[in-house]
Structure formats: C-alpha cells, structure tokens
Amino acid sequence: MTQALIDLEKECNVKNGYQIEEPFTKFGWTFFNIQLSEDLVDIIEKSGMMKGALGYRIGEQLTNFVGHYLESKGSNVRIKKIDYG
C-alpha cells in the first residue's frame, strides 16, 4: 500500500502528500488512519482522476477513488473514510 501511495504522489507531483498513523488491531483486523495533504487532494480533485468515482460528496468520491487506486496497485485494503486537510 505504501508503494501505491508513493506512486499517487508521483502522478500528482506532490511531496509529503500523505501520512500513515500507527496501526492498531481490533476484532482480529489491523486498522490504520491515512491523512492526505490538501495539495494532494486538490490535484486529485482538479485533475479529473476521480471521474467516475461514486459518491454524492467530494469525501465519498475521494474515498472510492483512493480505494480503487490502491486495489489497482495490488493493495488488499478497504477504506472507510479519508481525512484530508
């Protein structure tokens, strides 16, 4: 997953575009929080990368886009929501 986020940063030409917090385990699953920078979100939103992403609000569309992006790069993750800013 980290490599996929690095690839996304490169595609968007952004440095320090995300932060991954310490993972924690609950109910036998491993969870962690990812925070995207305003710069990365702004470029994703304005570039048209999210075209076709499902959701009524930008947060829903961003969550769906990033989830599909990570899956397309081989990451087996599920995203509940994305914090940015």
PDB file of N, CA and C in Angstrom:
ATOM      1  N   MET A   1       0.812  -1.180   0.000  1.00  0.00           N
ATOM      2  CA  MET A   1       0.000   0.000   0.000  1.00  0.00           C
ATOM      3  C   MET A   1       0.862   1.252   0.000  1.00  0.00           C
ATOM      4  N   THR A   2       1.959   1.228   0.726  1.00  0.00           N
ATOM      5  CA  THR A   2       2.821   2.402   0.766  1.00  0.00           C
ATOM      6  C   THR A   2       3.347   2.739  -0.624  1.00  0.00           C
ATOM      7  N   GLN A   3       3.731   1.720  -1.401  1.00  0.00           N
ATOM      8  CA  GLN A   3       4.223   1.979  -2.751  1.00  0.00           C
ATOM      9  C   GLN A   3       3.136   2.599  -3.620  1.00  0.00           C
ATOM     10  N   ALA A   4       1.901   2.166  -3.451  1.00  0.00           N
ATOM     11  CA  ALA A   4       0.794   2.733  -4.219  1.00  0.00           C
ATOM     12  C   ALA A   4       0.601   4.210  -3.877  1.00  0.00           C
ATOM     13  N   LEU A   5       0.738   4.577  -2.614  1.00  0.00           N
ATOM     14  CA  LEU A   5       0.619   5.979  -2.217  1.00  0.00           C
ATOM     15  C   LEU A   5       1.796   6.801  -2.759  1.00  0.00           C
ATOM     16  N   ILE A   6       2.976   6.205  -2.791  1.00  0.00           N
ATOM     17  CA  ILE A   6       4.143   6.873  -3.382  1.00  0.00           C
ATOM     18  C   ILE A   6       3.895   7.102  -4.871  1.00  0.00           C
ATOM     19  N   ASP A   7       3.339   6.104  -5.549  1.00  0.00           N
ATOM     20  CA  ASP A   7       3.010   6.248  -6.971  1.00  0.00           C
ATOM     21  C   ASP A   7       1.991   7.366  -7.191  1.00  0.00           C
ATOM     22  N   LEU A   8       0.997   7.452  -6.318  1.00  0.00           N
ATOM     23  CA  LEU A   8      -0.012   8.505  -6.433  1.00  0.00           C
ATOM     24  C   LEU A   8       0.630   9.879  -6.251  1.00  0.00           C
ATOM     25  N   GLU A   9       1.535   9.995  -5.288  1.00  0.00           N
ATOM     26  CA  GLU A   9       2.261  11.254  -5.103  1.00  0.00           C
ATOM     27  C   GLU A   9       3.021  11.633  -6.369  1.00  0.00           C
ATOM     28  N   LYS A  10       3.700  10.648  -6.972  1.00  0.00           N
ATOM     29  CA  LYS A  10       4.463  10.914  -8.195  1.00  0.00           C
ATOM     30  C   LYS A  10       3.547  11.357  -9.327  1.00  0.00           C
ATOM     31  N   GLU A  11       2.413  10.665  -9.500  1.00  0.00           N
ATOM     32  CA  GLU A  11       1.465  11.031 -10.555  1.00  0.00           C
ATOM     33  C   GLU A  11       0.955  12.450 -10.378  1.00  0.00           C
ATOM     34  N   CYS A  12       0.803  12.872  -9.125  1.00  0.00           N
ATOM     35  CA  CYS A  12       0.278  14.200  -8.823  1.00  0.00           C
ATOM     36  C   CYS A  12       1.384  15.233  -8.626  1.00  0.00           C
ATOM     37  N   ASN A  13       2.638  14.780  -8.658  1.00  0.00           N
ATOM     38  CA  ASN A  13       3.796  15.660  -8.458  1.00  0.00           C
ATOM     39  C   ASN A  13       3.695  16.415  -7.122  1.00  0.00           C
ATOM     40  N   VAL A  14       3.460  15.641  -6.057  1.00  0.00           N
ATOM     41  CA  VAL A  14       3.318  16.191  -4.707  1.00  0.00           C
ATOM     42  C   VAL A  14       4.285  15.462  -3.779  1.00  0.00           C
ATOM     43  N   LYS A  15       4.932  16.212  -2.906  1.00  0.00           N
ATOM     44  CA  LYS A  15       5.787  15.606  -1.877  1.00  0.00           C
ATOM     45  C   LYS A  15       5.055  15.682  -0.544  1.00  0.00           C
ATOM     46  N   ASN A  16       5.279  14.681   0.294  1.00  0.00           N
ATOM     47  CA  ASN A  16       4.640  14.609   1.610  1.00  0.00           C
ATOM     48  C   ASN A  16       3.123  14.712   1.482  1.00  0.00           C
ATOM     49  N   GLY A  17       2.559  13.937   0.559  1.00  0.00           N
ATOM     50  CA  GLY A  17       1.135  14.002   0.261  1.00  0.00           C
ATOM     51  C   GLY A  17       0.261  13.160   1.171  1.00  0.00           C
ATOM     52  N   TYR A  18       0.864  12.364   2.011  1.00  0.00           N
ATOM     53  CA  TYR A  18       0.053  11.528   2.897  1.00  0.00           C
ATOM     54  C   TYR A  18       0.834  11.221   4.167  1.00  0.00           C
ATOM     55  N   GLN A  19       0.101  10.820   5.183  1.00  0.00           N
ATOM     56  CA  GLN A  19       0.699  10.386   6.443  1.00  0.00           C
ATOM     57  C   GLN A  19      -0.075   9.171   6.912  1.00  0.00           C
ATOM     58  N   ILE A  20       0.643   8.114   7.270  1.00  0.00           N
ATOM     59  CA  ILE A  20       0.022   6.903   7.799  1.00  0.00           C
ATOM     60  C   ILE A  20       0.307   6.851   9.295  1.00  0.00           C
ATOM     61  N   GLU A  21      -0.745   6.756  10.079  1.00  0.00           N
ATOM     62  CA  GLU A  21      -0.585   6.687  11.523  1.00  0.00           C
ATOM     63  C   GLU A  21      -0.330   5.244  11.951  1.00  0.00           C
ATOM     64  N   GLU A  22       0.037   5.066  13.200  1.00  0.00           N
ATOM     65  CA  GLU A  22       0.348   3.739  13.733  1.00  0.00           C
ATOM     66  C   GLU A  22      -0.849   2.800  13.603  1.00  0.00           C
ATOM     67  N   PRO A  23      -0.608   1.586  13.127  1.00  0.00           N
ATOM     68  CA  PRO A  23      -1.710   0.616  13.016  1.00  0.00           C
ATOM     69  C   PRO A  23      -2.166   0.139  14.388  1.00  0.00           C
ATOM     70  N   PHE A  24      -3.416  -0.296  14.450  1.00  0.00           N
ATOM     71  CA  PHE A  24      -3.947  -0.883  15.686  1.00  0.00           C
ATOM     72  C   PHE A  24      -4.819  -2.067  15.303  1.00  0.00           C
ATOM     73  N   THR A  25      -4.931  -3.014  16.213  1.00  0.00           N
ATOM     74  CA  THR A  25      -5.678  -4.238  15.947  1.00  0.00           C
ATOM     75  C   THR A  25      -6.975  -4.227  16.737  1.00  0.00           C
ATOM     76  N   LYS A  26      -8.040  -4.658  16.051  1.00  0.00           N
ATOM     77  CA  LYS A  26      -9.352  -4.727  16.681  1.00  0.00           C
ATOM     78  C   LYS A  26     -10.137  -5.840  15.997  1.00  0.00           C
ATOM     79  N   PHE A  27     -10.706  -6.732  16.765  1.00  0.00           N
ATOM     80  CA  PHE A  27     -11.513  -7.839  16.250  1.00  0.00           C
ATOM     81  C   PHE A  27     -10.731  -8.707  15.259  1.00  0.00           C
ATOM     82  N   GLY A  28      -9.426  -8.813  15.453  1.00  0.00           N
ATOM     83  CA  GLY A  28      -8.599  -9.643  14.582  1.00  0.00           C
ATOM     84  C   GLY A  28      -8.198  -8.969  13.274  1.00  0.00           C
ATOM     85  N   TRP A  29      -8.576  -7.716  13.079  1.00  0.00           N
ATOM     86  CA  TRP A  29      -8.223  -6.964  11.877  1.00  0.00           C
ATOM     87  C   TRP A  29      -7.209  -5.880  12.253  1.00  0.00           C
ATOM     88  N   THR A  30      -6.416  -5.470  11.298  1.00  0.00           N
ATOM     89  CA  THR A  30      -5.486  -4.369  11.513  1.00  0.00           C
ATOM     90  C   THR A  30      -6.041  -3.125  10.842  1.00  0.00           C
ATOM     91  N   PHE A  31      -6.098  -2.041  11.596  1.00  0.00           N
ATOM     92  CA  PHE A  31      -6.617  -0.770  11.114  1.00  0.00           C
ATOM     93  C   PHE A  31      -5.531   0.290  11.210  1.00  0.00           C
ATOM     94  N   PHE A  32      -5.630   1.289  10.367  1.00  0.00           N
ATOM     95  CA  PHE A  32      -4.736   2.434  10.456  1.00  0.00           C
ATOM     96  C   PHE A  32      -5.398   3.613   9.774  1.00  0.00           C
ATOM     97  N   ASN A  33      -4.973   4.785  10.168  1.00  0.00           N
ATOM     98  CA  ASN A  33      -5.519   6.007   9.601  1.00  0.00           C
ATOM     99  C   ASN A  33      -4.527   6.592   8.611  1.00  0.00           C
ATOM    100  N   ILE A  34      -5.064   7.074   7.495  1.00  0.00           N
ATOM    101  CA  ILE A  34      -4.268   7.761   6.484  1.00  0.00           C
ATOM    102  C   ILE A  34      -4.811   9.173   6.370  1.00  0.00           C
ATOM    103  N   GLN A  35      -3.920  10.137   6.379  1.00  0.00           N
ATOM    104  CA  GLN A  35      -4.331  11.517   6.158  1.00  0.00           C
ATOM    105  C   GLN A  35      -3.662  12.009   4.882  1.00  0.00           C
ATOM    106  N   LEU A  36      -4.459  12.540   3.956  1.00  0.00           N
ATOM    107  CA  LEU A  36      -3.950  13.088   2.707  1.00  0.00           C
ATOM    108  C   LEU A  36      -3.774  14.589   2.859  1.00  0.00           C
ATOM    109  N   SER A  37      -2.721  15.123   2.242  1.00  0.00           N
ATOM    110  CA  SER A  37      -2.481  16.563   2.307  1.00  0.00           C
ATOM    111  C   SER A  37      -3.486  17.311   1.439  1.00  0.00           C
ATOM    112  N   GLU A  38      -3.703  18.575   1.762  1.00  0.00           N
ATOM    113  CA  GLU A  38      -4.595  19.416   0.961  1.00  0.00           C
ATOM    114  C   GLU A  38      -4.110  19.497  -0.479  1.00  0.00           C
ATOM    115  N   ASP A  39      -2.782  19.571  -0.665  1.00  0.00           N
ATOM    116  CA  ASP A  39      -2.219  19.661  -2.018  1.00  0.00           C
ATOM    117  C   ASP A  39      -2.565  18.420  -2.840  1.00  0.00           C
ATOM    118  N   LEU A  40      -2.397  17.242  -2.249  1.00  0.00           N
ATOM    119  CA  LEU A  40      -2.685  16.004  -2.967  1.00  0.00           C
ATOM    120  C   LEU A  40      -4.166  15.912  -3.318  1.00  0.00           C
ATOM    121  N   VAL A  41      -5.027  16.212  -2.365  1.00  0.00           N
ATOM    122  CA  VAL A  41      -6.469  16.157  -2.604  1.00  0.00           C
ATOM    123  C   VAL A  41      -6.867  17.157  -3.687  1.00  0.00           C
ATOM    124  N   ASP A  42      -6.304  18.353  -3.629  1.00  0.00           N
ATOM    125  CA  ASP A  42      -6.629  19.391  -4.604  1.00  0.00           C
ATOM    126  C   ASP A  42      -6.271  18.955  -6.020  1.00  0.00           C
ATOM    127  N   ILE A  43      -5.102  18.363  -6.182  1.00  0.00           N
ATOM    128  CA  ILE A  43      -4.670  17.910  -7.505  1.00  0.00           C
ATOM    129  C   ILE A  43      -5.531  16.750  -7.990  1.00  0.00           C
ATOM    130  N   ILE A  44      -5.820  15.797  -7.113  1.00  0.00           N
ATOM    131  CA  ILE A  44      -6.677  14.670  -7.492  1.00  0.00           C
ATOM    132  C   ILE A  44      -8.035  15.195  -7.949  1.00  0.00           C
ATOM    133  N   GLU A  45      -8.580  16.135  -7.191  1.00  0.00           N
ATOM    134  CA  GLU A  45      -9.907  16.666  -7.494  1.00  0.00           C
ATOM    135  C   GLU A  45      -9.923  17.433  -8.822  1.00  0.00           C
ATOM    136  N   LYS A  46      -8.923  18.276  -9.046  1.00  0.00           N
ATOM    137  CA  LYS A  46      -8.902  19.136 -10.234  1.00  0.00           C
ATOM    138  C   LYS A  46      -8.400  18.434 -11.497  1.00  0.00           C
ATOM    139  N   SER A  47      -7.687  17.333 -11.333  1.00  0.00           N
ATOM    140  CA  SER A  47      -7.076  16.659 -12.487  1.00  0.00           C
ATOM    141  C   SER A  47      -8.063  15.804 -13.277  1.00  0.00           C
ATOM    142  N   GLY A  48      -9.197  15.502 -12.684  1.00  0.00           N
ATOM    143  CA  GLY A  48     -10.146  14.607 -13.340  1.00  0.00           C
ATOM    144  C   GLY A  48      -9.886  13.145 -13.031  1.00  0.00           C
ATOM    145  N   MET A  49      -8.942  12.863 -12.134  1.00  0.00           N
ATOM    146  CA  MET A  49      -8.625  11.481 -11.775  1.00  0.00           C
ATOM    147  C   MET A  49      -9.825  10.769 -11.153  1.00  0.00           C
ATOM    148  N   MET A  50     -10.698  11.525 -10.515  1.00  0.00           N
ATOM    149  CA  MET A  50     -11.836  10.917  -9.819  1.00  0.00           C
ATOM    150  C   MET A  50     -13.036  10.725 -10.736  1.00  0.00           C
ATOM    151  N   LYS A  51     -12.883  11.013 -12.011  1.00  0.00           N
ATOM    152  CA  LYS A  51     -14.010  10.865 -12.932  1.00  0.00           C
ATOM    153  C   LYS A  51     -14.551   9.438 -12.845  1.00  0.00           C
ATOM    154  N   GLY A  52     -15.836   9.328 -12.607  1.00  0.00           N
ATOM    155  CA  GLY A  52     -16.470   8.018 -12.487  1.00  0.00           C
ATOM    156  C   GLY A  52     -16.497   7.472 -11.069  1.00  0.00           C
ATOM    157  N   ALA A  53     -15.841   8.165 -10.122  1.00  0.00           N
ATOM    158  CA  ALA A  53     -15.862   7.705  -8.727  1.00  0.00           C
ATOM    159  C   ALA A  53     -17.255   7.931  -8.155  1.00  0.00           C
ATOM    160  N   LEU A  54     -17.773   6.921  -7.501  1.00  0.00           N
ATOM    161  CA  LEU A  54     -19.123   7.004  -6.939  1.00  0.00           C
ATOM    162  C   LEU A  54     -19.145   7.874  -5.689  1.00  0.00           C
ATOM    163  N   GLY A  55     -20.268   8.513  -5.464  1.00  0.00           N
ATOM    164  CA  GLY A  55     -20.463   9.309  -4.264  1.00  0.00           C
ATOM    165  C   GLY A  55     -21.096  10.641  -4.574  1.00  0.00           C
ATOM    166  N   TYR A  56     -21.866  11.134  -3.624  1.00  0.00           N
ATOM    167  CA  TYR A  56     -22.550  12.414  -3.802  1.00  0.00           C
ATOM    168  C   TYR A  56     -21.671  13.583  -3.379  1.00  0.00           C
ATOM    169  N   ARG A  57     -20.836  13.358  -2.393  1.00  0.00           N
ATOM    170  CA  ARG A  57     -19.968  14.417  -1.881  1.00  0.00           C
ATOM    171  C   ARG A  57     -18.528  14.121  -2.255  1.00  0.00           C
ATOM    172  N   ILE A  58     -17.715  15.159  -2.207  1.00  0.00           N
ATOM    173  CA  ILE A  58     -16.307  15.015  -2.578  1.00  0.00           C
ATOM    174  C   ILE A  58     -15.607  13.984  -1.686  1.00  0.00           C
ATOM    175  N   GLY A  59     -15.945  13.951  -0.397  1.00  0.00           N
ATOM    176  CA  GLY A  59     -15.328  12.982   0.508  1.00  0.00           C
ATOM    177  C   GLY A  59     -15.626  11.546   0.118  1.00  0.00           C
ATOM    178  N   GLU A  60     -16.865  11.284  -0.289  1.00  0.00           N
ATOM    179  CA  GLU A  60     -17.249   9.938  -0.723  1.00  0.00           C
ATOM    180  C   GLU A  60     -16.532   9.573  -2.023  1.00  0.00           C
ATOM    181  N   GLN A  61     -16.475  10.523  -2.946  1.00  0.00           N
ATOM    182  CA  GLN A  61     -15.804  10.273  -4.222  1.00  0.00           C
ATOM    183  C   GLN A  61     -14.313  10.021  -4.007  1.00  0.00           C
ATOM    184  N   LEU A  62     -13.699  10.804  -3.120  1.00  0.00           N
ATOM    185  CA  LEU A  62     -12.277  10.638  -2.835  1.00  0.00           C
ATOM    186  C   LEU A  62     -12.002   9.284  -2.197  1.00  0.00           C
ATOM    187  N   THR A  63     -12.851   8.894  -1.257  1.00  0.00           N
ATOM    188  CA  THR A  63     -12.703   7.595  -0.600  1.00  0.00           C
ATOM    189  C   THR A  63     -12.781   6.467  -1.630  1.00  0.00           C
ATOM    190  N   ASN A  64     -13.766   6.530  -2.512  1.00  0.00           N
ATOM    191  CA  ASN A  64     -13.909   5.495  -3.537  1.00  0.00           C
ATOM    192  C   ASN A  64     -12.736   5.508  -4.515  1.00  0.00           C
ATOM    193  N   PHE A  65     -12.309   6.688  -4.927  1.00  0.00           N
ATOM    194  CA  PHE A  65     -11.187   6.776  -5.857  1.00  0.00           C
ATOM    195  C   PHE A  65      -9.921   6.172  -5.253  1.00  0.00           C
ATOM    196  N   VAL A  66      -9.569   6.599  -4.045  1.00  0.00           N
ATOM    197  CA  VAL A  66      -8.328   6.110  -3.421  1.00  0.00           C
ATOM    198  C   VAL A  66      -8.418   4.608  -3.170  1.00  0.00           C
ATOM    199  N   GLY A  67      -9.568   4.122  -2.727  1.00  0.00           N
ATOM    200  CA  GLY A  67      -9.730   2.682  -2.520  1.00  0.00           C
ATOM    201  C   GLY A  67      -9.493   1.899  -3.793  1.00  0.00           C
ATOM    202  N   HIS A  68     -10.077   2.346  -4.890  1.00  0.00           N
ATOM    203  CA  HIS A  68      -9.895   1.660  -6.175  1.00  0.00           C
ATOM    204  C   HIS A  68      -8.471   1.814  -6.683  1.00  0.00           C
ATOM    205  N   TYR A  69      -7.874   2.975  -6.455  1.00  0.00           N
ATOM    206  CA  TYR A  69      -6.485   3.199  -6.871  1.00  0.00           C
ATOM    207  C   TYR A  69      -5.569   2.215  -6.154  1.00  0.00           C
ATOM    208  N   LEU A  70      -5.717   2.100  -4.841  1.00  0.00           N
ATOM    209  CA  LEU A  70      -4.870   1.190  -4.069  1.00  0.00           C
ATOM    210  C   LEU A  70      -5.083  -0.254  -4.505  1.00  0.00           C
ATOM    211  N   GLU A  71      -6.324  -0.641  -4.727  1.00  0.00           N
ATOM    212  CA  GLU A  71      -6.615  -2.001  -5.183  1.00  0.00           C
ATOM    213  C   GLU A  71      -5.984  -2.261  -6.549  1.00  0.00           C
ATOM    214  N   SER A  72      -6.025  -1.269  -7.438  1.00  0.00           N
ATOM    215  CA  SER A  72      -5.445  -1.446  -8.777  1.00  0.00           C
ATOM    216  C   SER A  72      -3.935  -1.611  -8.730  1.00  0.00           C
ATOM    217  N   LYS A  73      -3.321  -1.169  -7.627  1.00  0.00           N
ATOM    218  CA  LYS A  73      -1.875  -1.301  -7.448  1.00  0.00           C
ATOM    219  C   LYS A  73      -1.525  -2.531  -6.617  1.00  0.00           C
ATOM    220  N   GLY A  74      -2.523  -3.380  -6.339  1.00  0.00           N
ATOM    221  CA  GLY A  74      -2.262  -4.633  -5.645  1.00  0.00           C
ATOM    222  C   GLY A  74      -2.456  -4.609  -4.140  1.00  0.00           C
ATOM    223  N   SER A  75      -2.946  -3.511  -3.593  1.00  0.00           N
ATOM    224  CA  SER A  75      -3.181  -3.440  -2.151  1.00  0.00           C
ATOM    225  C   SER A  75      -4.546  -4.019  -1.825  1.00  0.00           C
ATOM    226  N   ASN A  76      -4.585  -4.896  -0.854  1.00  0.00           N
ATOM    227  CA  ASN A  76      -5.837  -5.520  -0.431  1.00  0.00           C
ATOM    228  C   ASN A  76      -6.340  -4.767   0.798  1.00  0.00           C
ATOM    229  N   VAL A  77      -6.981  -3.611   0.570  1.00  0.00           N
ATOM    230  CA  VAL A  77      -7.452  -2.770   1.650  1.00  0.00           C
ATOM    231  C   VAL A  77      -8.898  -2.375   1.426  1.00  0.00           C
ATOM    232  N   ARG A  78      -9.540  -1.974   2.500  1.00  0.00           N
ATOM    233  CA  ARG A  78     -10.872  -1.391   2.437  1.00  0.00           C
ATOM    234  C   ARG A  78     -10.798  -0.062   3.168  1.00  0.00           C
ATOM    235  N   ILE A  79     -11.349   0.958   2.583  1.00  0.00           N
ATOM    236  CA  ILE A  79     -11.280   2.288   3.172  1.00  0.00           C
ATOM    237  C   ILE A  79     -12.662   2.710   3.644  1.00  0.00           C
ATOM    238  N   LYS A  80     -12.734   3.104   4.889  1.00  0.00           N
ATOM    239  CA  LYS A  80     -13.999   3.568   5.453  1.00  0.00           C
ATOM    240  C   LYS A  80     -14.202   5.039   5.132  1.00  0.00           C
ATOM    241  N   LYS A  81     -13.189   5.852   5.388  1.00  0.00           N
ATOM    242  CA  LYS A  81     -13.265   7.275   5.065  1.00  0.00           C
ATOM    243  C   LYS A  81     -11.844   7.807   4.975  1.00  0.00           C
ATOM    244  N   ILE A  82     -11.715   8.942   4.336  1.00  0.00           N
ATOM    245  CA  ILE A  82     -10.418   9.577   4.202  1.00  0.00           C
ATOM    246  C   ILE A  82     -10.494  10.971   4.818  1.00  0.00           C
ATOM    247  N   ASP A  83      -9.516  11.251   5.676  1.00  0.00           N
ATOM    248  CA  ASP A  83      -9.386  12.597   6.228  1.00  0.00           C
ATOM    249  C   ASP A  83      -8.379  13.356   5.387  1.00  0.00           C
ATOM    250  N   TYR A  84      -8.661  14.598   5.152  1.00  0.00           N
ATOM    251  CA  TYR A  84      -7.709  15.412   4.410  1.00  0.00           C
ATOM    252  C   TYR A  84      -7.740  16.828   4.939  1.00  0.00           C
ATOM    253  N   GLY A  85      -6.630  17.489   4.719  1.00  0.00           N
ATOM    254  CA  GLY A  85      -6.540  18.878   5.158  1.00  0.00           C
ATOM    255  C   GLY A  85      -5.413  19.116   6.079  1.00  0.00           C
TER     256      GLY A  85
END
